Amino acid sequence: MAKRTYSSLNDPQADEKLQQFRQNLDKEIDHAIEGHETKMVYIGFVTLFVFATVIYSAWKF
């Protein structure tokens, strides 16, 4: 069985494109993580406010 050889392994242009792809992917992942963290903090504060309101309402009335 013949071994496959990939020309992209020795191609400097392919290495550059791969590095660029990885950098773009890292940026997109970082952006997505920051957006997710922001949403989770918002949900946490809203949940805390709702629980505090329910507890206060149960205690007051």
PDB file of N, CA and C in Angstrom:
ATOM      1  N   MET A   1       0.846  -1.175   0.000  1.00  0.00           N
ATOM      2  CA  MET A   1       0.000   0.000   0.000  1.00  0.00           C
ATOM      3  C   MET A   1       0.893   1.240   0.000  1.00  0.00           C
ATOM      4  N   ALA A   2       0.604   2.165  -0.865  1.00  0.00           N
ATOM      5  CA  ALA A   2       1.421   3.365  -1.000  1.00  0.00           C
ATOM      6  C   ALA A   2       1.050   4.375   0.081  1.00  0.00           C
ATOM      7  N   LYS A   3       2.065   5.046   0.597  1.00  0.00           N
ATOM      8  CA  LYS A   3       1.830   6.082   1.602  1.00  0.00           C
ATOM      9  C   LYS A   3       1.339   7.347   0.927  1.00  0.00           C
ATOM     10  N   ARG A   4       0.437   8.007   1.603  1.00  0.00           N
ATOM     11  CA  ARG A   4      -0.030   9.290   1.093  1.00  0.00           C
ATOM     12  C   ARG A   4       0.947  10.367   1.521  1.00  0.00           C
ATOM     13  N   THR A   5       1.218  11.257   0.635  1.00  0.00           N
ATOM     14  CA  THR A   5       2.041  12.415   0.983  1.00  0.00           C
ATOM     15  C   THR A   5       1.202  13.655   0.761  1.00  0.00           C
ATOM     16  N   TYR A   6       1.300  14.534   1.681  1.00  0.00           N
ATOM     17  CA  TYR A   6       0.532  15.764   1.604  1.00  0.00           C
ATOM     18  C   TYR A   6       1.477  16.905   1.275  1.00  0.00           C
ATOM     19  N   SER A   7       1.171  17.581   0.212  1.00  0.00           N
ATOM     20  CA  SER A   7       2.031  18.687  -0.196  1.00  0.00           C
ATOM     21  C   SER A   7       1.884  19.876   0.751  1.00  0.00           C
ATOM     22  N   SER A   8       0.761  19.958   1.452  1.00  0.00           N
ATOM     23  CA  SER A   8       0.553  21.104   2.329  1.00  0.00           C
ATOM     24  C   SER A   8       1.472  21.072   3.554  1.00  0.00           C
ATOM     25  N   LEU A   9       2.041  19.909   3.866  1.00  0.00           N
ATOM     26  CA  LEU A   9       2.936  19.826   5.014  1.00  0.00           C
ATOM     27  C   LEU A   9       4.231  20.583   4.763  1.00  0.00           C
ATOM     28  N   ASN A  10       4.615  20.694   3.529  1.00  0.00           N
ATOM     29  CA  ASN A  10       5.865  21.384   3.202  1.00  0.00           C
ATOM     30  C   ASN A  10       5.615  22.757   2.587  1.00  0.00           C
ATOM     31  N   ASP A  11       4.383  23.151   2.502  1.00  0.00           N
ATOM     32  CA  ASP A  11       4.020  24.417   1.872  1.00  0.00           C
ATOM     33  C   ASP A  11       3.969  25.527   2.915  1.00  0.00           C
ATOM     34  N   PRO A  12       4.860  26.507   2.816  1.00  0.00           N
ATOM     35  CA  PRO A  12       4.853  27.593   3.815  1.00  0.00           C
ATOM     36  C   PRO A  12       3.569  28.434   3.755  1.00  0.00           C
ATOM     37  N   GLN A  13       2.968  28.520   2.586  1.00  0.00           N
ATOM     38  CA  GLN A  13       1.739  29.288   2.457  1.00  0.00           C
ATOM     39  C   GLN A  13       0.595  28.597   3.211  1.00  0.00           C
ATOM     40  N   ALA A  14       0.589  27.276   3.183  1.00  0.00           N
ATOM     41  CA  ALA A  14      -0.432  26.532   3.917  1.00  0.00           C
ATOM     42  C   ALA A  14      -0.232  26.701   5.426  1.00  0.00           C
ATOM     43  N   ASP A  15       1.017  26.729   5.868  1.00  0.00           N
ATOM     44  CA  ASP A  15       1.301  26.954   7.288  1.00  0.00           C
ATOM     45  C   ASP A  15       0.815  28.333   7.729  1.00  0.00           C
ATOM     46  N   GLU A  16       1.028  29.312   6.862  1.00  0.00           N
ATOM     47  CA  GLU A  16       0.587  30.670   7.179  1.00  0.00           C
ATOM     48  C   GLU A  16      -0.945  30.731   7.261  1.00  0.00           C
ATOM     49  N   LYS A  17      -1.623  30.070   6.333  1.00  0.00           N
ATOM     50  CA  LYS A  17      -3.082  30.045   6.356  1.00  0.00           C
ATOM     51  C   LYS A  17      -3.588  29.316   7.595  1.00  0.00           C
ATOM     52  N   LEU A  18      -2.924  28.251   7.988  1.00  0.00           N
ATOM     53  CA  LEU A  18      -3.317  27.513   9.181  1.00  0.00           C
ATOM     54  C   LEU A  18      -3.134  28.372  10.427  1.00  0.00           C
ATOM     55  N   GLN A  19      -2.033  29.095  10.516  1.00  0.00           N
ATOM     56  CA  GLN A  19      -1.809  29.992  11.654  1.00  0.00           C
ATOM     57  C   GLN A  19      -2.873  31.087  11.701  1.00  0.00           C
ATOM     58  N   GLN A  20      -3.203  31.629  10.534  1.00  0.00           N
ATOM     59  CA  GLN A  20      -4.222  32.673  10.476  1.00  0.00           C
ATOM     60  C   GLN A  20      -5.578  32.112  10.898  1.00  0.00           C
ATOM     61  N   PHE A  21      -5.886  30.906  10.454  1.00  0.00           N
ATOM     62  CA  PHE A  21      -7.139  30.266  10.848  1.00  0.00           C
ATOM     63  C   PHE A  21      -7.190  30.064  12.353  1.00  0.00           C
ATOM     64  N   ARG A  22      -6.098  29.603  12.929  1.00  0.00           N
ATOM     65  CA  ARG A  22      -6.059  29.384  14.381  1.00  0.00           C
ATOM     66  C   ARG A  22      -6.228  30.696  15.147  1.00  0.00           C
ATOM     67  N   GLN A  23      -5.592  31.758  14.662  1.00  0.00           N
ATOM     68  CA  GLN A  23      -5.723  33.049  15.328  1.00  0.00           C
ATOM     69  C   GLN A  23      -7.164  33.557  15.252  1.00  0.00           C
ATOM     70  N   ASN A  24      -7.785  33.419  14.077  1.00  0.00           N
ATOM     71  CA  ASN A  24      -9.184  33.844  13.936  1.00  0.00           C
ATOM     72  C   ASN A  24     -10.095  33.003  14.820  1.00  0.00           C
ATOM     73  N   LEU A  25      -9.833  31.713  14.893  1.00  0.00           N
ATOM     74  CA  LEU A  25     -10.630  30.831  15.733  1.00  0.00           C
ATOM     75  C   LEU A  25     -10.470  31.204  17.210  1.00  0.00           C
ATOM     76  N   ASP A  26      -9.253  31.493  17.627  1.00  0.00           N
ATOM     77  CA  ASP A  26      -9.022  31.912  19.016  1.00  0.00           C
ATOM     78  C   ASP A  26      -9.774  33.205  19.335  1.00  0.00           C
ATOM     79  N   LYS A  27      -9.756  34.160  18.403  1.00  0.00           N
ATOM     80  CA  LYS A  27     -10.474  35.416  18.620  1.00  0.00           C
ATOM     81  C   LYS A  27     -11.973  35.176  18.741  1.00  0.00           C
ATOM     82  N   GLU A  28     -12.509  34.364  17.857  1.00  0.00           N
ATOM     83  CA  GLU A  28     -13.941  34.076  17.887  1.00  0.00           C
ATOM     84  C   GLU A  28     -14.334  33.349  19.172  1.00  0.00           C
ATOM     85  N   ILE A  29     -13.510  32.414  19.608  1.00  0.00           N
ATOM     86  CA  ILE A  29     -13.803  31.684  20.846  1.00  0.00           C
ATOM     87  C   ILE A  29     -13.753  32.621  22.042  1.00  0.00           C
ATOM     88  N   ASP A  30     -12.736  33.479  22.099  1.00  0.00           N
ATOM     89  CA  ASP A  30     -12.649  34.446  23.197  1.00  0.00           C
ATOM     90  C   ASP A  30     -13.863  35.368  23.222  1.00  0.00           C
ATOM     91  N   HIS A  31     -14.279  35.823  22.048  1.00  0.00           N
ATOM     92  CA  HIS A  31     -15.447  36.699  21.963  1.00  0.00           C
ATOM     93  C   HIS A  31     -16.706  35.959  22.434  1.00  0.00           C
ATOM     94  N   ALA A  32     -16.859  34.728  22.022  1.00  0.00           N
ATOM     95  CA  ALA A  32     -18.031  33.944  22.421  1.00  0.00           C
ATOM     96  C   ALA A  32     -18.033  33.679  23.927  1.00  0.00           C
ATOM     97  N   ILE A  33     -16.866  33.403  24.495  1.00  0.00           N
ATOM     98  CA  ILE A  33     -16.771  33.150  25.933  1.00  0.00           C
ATOM     99  C   ILE A  33     -17.123  34.408  26.718  1.00  0.00           C
ATOM    100  N   GLU A  34     -16.627  35.554  26.278  1.00  0.00           N
ATOM    101  CA  GLU A  34     -16.938  36.804  26.973  1.00  0.00           C
ATOM    102  C   GLU A  34     -18.428  37.113  26.908  1.00  0.00           C
ATOM    103  N   GLY A  35     -19.037  36.881  25.762  1.00  0.00           N
ATOM    104  CA  GLY A  35     -20.476  37.096  25.631  1.00  0.00           C
ATOM    105  C   GLY A  35     -21.267  36.166  26.534  1.00  0.00           C
ATOM    106  N   HIS A  36     -20.831  34.916  26.612  1.00  0.00           N
ATOM    107  CA  HIS A  36     -21.510  33.947  27.468  1.00  0.00           C
ATOM    108  C   HIS A  36     -21.370  34.328  28.934  1.00  0.00           C
ATOM    109  N   GLU A  37     -20.178  34.746  29.339  1.00  0.00           N
ATOM    110  CA  GLU A  37     -19.967  35.159  30.728  1.00  0.00           C
ATOM    111  C   GLU A  37     -20.839  36.359  31.076  1.00  0.00           C
ATOM    112  N   THR A  38     -20.970  37.296  30.161  1.00  0.00           N
ATOM    113  CA  THR A  38     -21.805  38.476  30.396  1.00  0.00           C
ATOM    114  C   THR A  38     -23.260  38.066  30.592  1.00  0.00           C
ATOM    115  N   LYS A  39     -23.736  37.164  29.743  1.00  0.00           N
ATOM    116  CA  LYS A  39     -25.121  36.696  29.888  1.00  0.00           C
ATOM    117  C   LYS A  39     -25.324  35.964  31.207  1.00  0.00           C
ATOM    118  N   MET A  40     -24.363  35.157  31.599  1.00  0.00           N
ATOM    119  CA  MET A  40     -24.505  34.400  32.843  1.00  0.00           C
ATOM    120  C   MET A  40     -24.504  35.322  34.056  1.00  0.00           C
ATOM    121  N   VAL A  41     -23.693  36.363  34.047  1.00  0.00           N
ATOM    122  CA  VAL A  41     -23.688  37.331  35.150  1.00  0.00           C
ATOM    123  C   VAL A  41     -25.042  38.032  35.209  1.00  0.00           C
ATOM    124  N   TYR A  42     -25.572  38.437  34.066  1.00  0.00           N
ATOM    125  CA  TYR A  42     -26.889  39.074  34.023  1.00  0.00           C
ATOM    126  C   TYR A  42     -27.955  38.137  34.582  1.00  0.00           C
ATOM    127  N   ILE A  43     -27.955  36.895  34.149  1.00  0.00           N
ATOM    128  CA  ILE A  43     -28.935  35.922  34.640  1.00  0.00           C
ATOM    129  C   ILE A  43     -28.780  35.721  36.149  1.00  0.00           C
ATOM    130  N   GLY A  44     -27.541  35.712  36.635  1.00  0.00           N
ATOM    131  CA  GLY A  44     -27.306  35.555  38.070  1.00  0.00           C
ATOM    132  C   GLY A  44     -27.887  36.693  38.873  1.00  0.00           C
ATOM    133  N   PHE A  45     -27.691  37.930  38.407  1.00  0.00           N
ATOM    134  CA  PHE A  45     -28.233  39.074  39.130  1.00  0.00           C
ATOM    135  C   PHE A  45     -29.755  39.092  39.083  1.00  0.00           C
ATOM    136  N   VAL A  46     -30.320  38.758  37.945  1.00  0.00           N
ATOM    137  CA  VAL A  46     -31.781  38.712  37.834  1.00  0.00           C
ATOM    138  C   VAL A  46     -32.346  37.650  38.764  1.00  0.00           C
ATOM    139  N   THR A  47     -31.722  36.485  38.800  1.00  0.00           N
ATOM    140  CA  THR A  47     -32.179  35.410  39.679  1.00  0.00           C
ATOM    141  C   THR A  47     -32.071  35.821  41.143  1.00  0.00           C
ATOM    142  N   LEU A  48     -30.972  36.445  41.516  1.00  0.00           N
ATOM    143  CA  LEU A  48     -30.796  36.922  42.882  1.00  0.00           C
ATOM    144  C   LEU A  48     -31.885  37.930  43.251  1.00  0.00           C
ATOM    145  N   PHE A  49     -32.179  38.859  42.350  1.00  0.00           N
ATOM    146  CA  PHE A  49     -33.213  39.850  42.596  1.00  0.00           C
ATOM    147  C   PHE A  49     -34.580  39.188  42.755  1.00  0.00           C
ATOM    148  N   VAL A  50     -34.880  38.212  41.904  1.00  0.00           N
ATOM    149  CA  VAL A  50     -36.175  37.523  41.983  1.00  0.00           C
ATOM    150  C   VAL A  50     -36.293  36.768  43.300  1.00  0.00           C
ATOM    151  N   PHE A  51     -35.252  36.034  43.679  1.00  0.00           N
ATOM    152  CA  PHE A  51     -35.301  35.304  44.951  1.00  0.00           C
ATOM    153  C   PHE A  51     -35.436  36.249  46.130  1.00  0.00           C
ATOM    154  N   ALA A  52     -34.700  37.348  46.114  1.00  0.00           N
ATOM    155  CA  ALA A  52     -34.793  38.310  47.208  1.00  0.00           C
ATOM    156  C   ALA A  52     -36.197  38.903  47.280  1.00  0.00           C
ATOM    157  N   THR A  53     -36.795  39.185  46.129  1.00  0.00           N
ATOM    158  CA  THR A  53     -38.149  39.728  46.097  1.00  0.00           C
ATOM    159  C   THR A  53     -39.163  38.723  46.627  1.00  0.00           C
ATOM    160  N   VAL A  54     -39.031  37.465  46.245  1.00  0.00           N
ATOM    161  CA  VAL A  54     -39.950  36.427  46.713  1.00  0.00           C
ATOM    162  C   VAL A  54     -39.804  36.236  48.221  1.00  0.00           C
ATOM    163  N   ILE A  55     -38.586  36.194  48.706  1.00  0.00           N
ATOM    164  CA  ILE A  55     -38.364  36.022  50.145  1.00  0.00           C
ATOM    165  C   ILE A  55     -38.896  37.232  50.919  1.00  0.00           C
ATOM    166  N   TYR A  56     -38.654  38.427  50.414  1.00  0.00           N
ATOM    167  CA  TYR A  56     -39.160  39.623  51.082  1.00  0.00           C
ATOM    168  C   TYR A  56     -40.689  39.632  51.079  1.00  0.00           C
ATOM    169  N   SER A  57     -41.285  39.265  49.940  1.00  0.00           N
ATOM    170  CA  SER A  57     -42.749  39.244  49.859  1.00  0.00           C
ATOM    171  C   SER A  57     -43.337  38.207  50.816  1.00  0.00           C
ATOM    172  N   ALA A  58     -42.723  37.057  50.922  1.00  0.00           N
ATOM    173  CA  ALA A  58     -43.207  36.021  51.832  1.00  0.00           C
ATOM    174  C   ALA A  58     -43.054  36.453  53.289  1.00  0.00           C
ATOM    175  N   TRP A  59     -42.018  37.165  53.600  1.00  0.00           N
ATOM    176  CA  TRP A  59     -41.769  37.622  54.964  1.00  0.00           C
ATOM    177  C   TRP A  59     -42.674  38.797  55.323  1.00  0.00           C
ATOM    178  N   LYS A  60     -42.903  39.686  54.375  1.00  0.00           N
ATOM    179  CA  LYS A  60     -43.678  40.909  54.633  1.00  0.00           C
ATOM    180  C   LYS A  60     -45.170  40.607  54.692  1.00  0.00           C
ATOM    181  N   PHE A  61     -45.675  39.730  53.846  1.00  0.00           N
ATOM    182  CA  PHE A  61     -47.127  39.512  53.777  1.00  0.00           C
ATOM    183  C   PHE A  61     -47.468  38.233  54.380  1.00  0.00           C
TER     184      PHE A  61
END
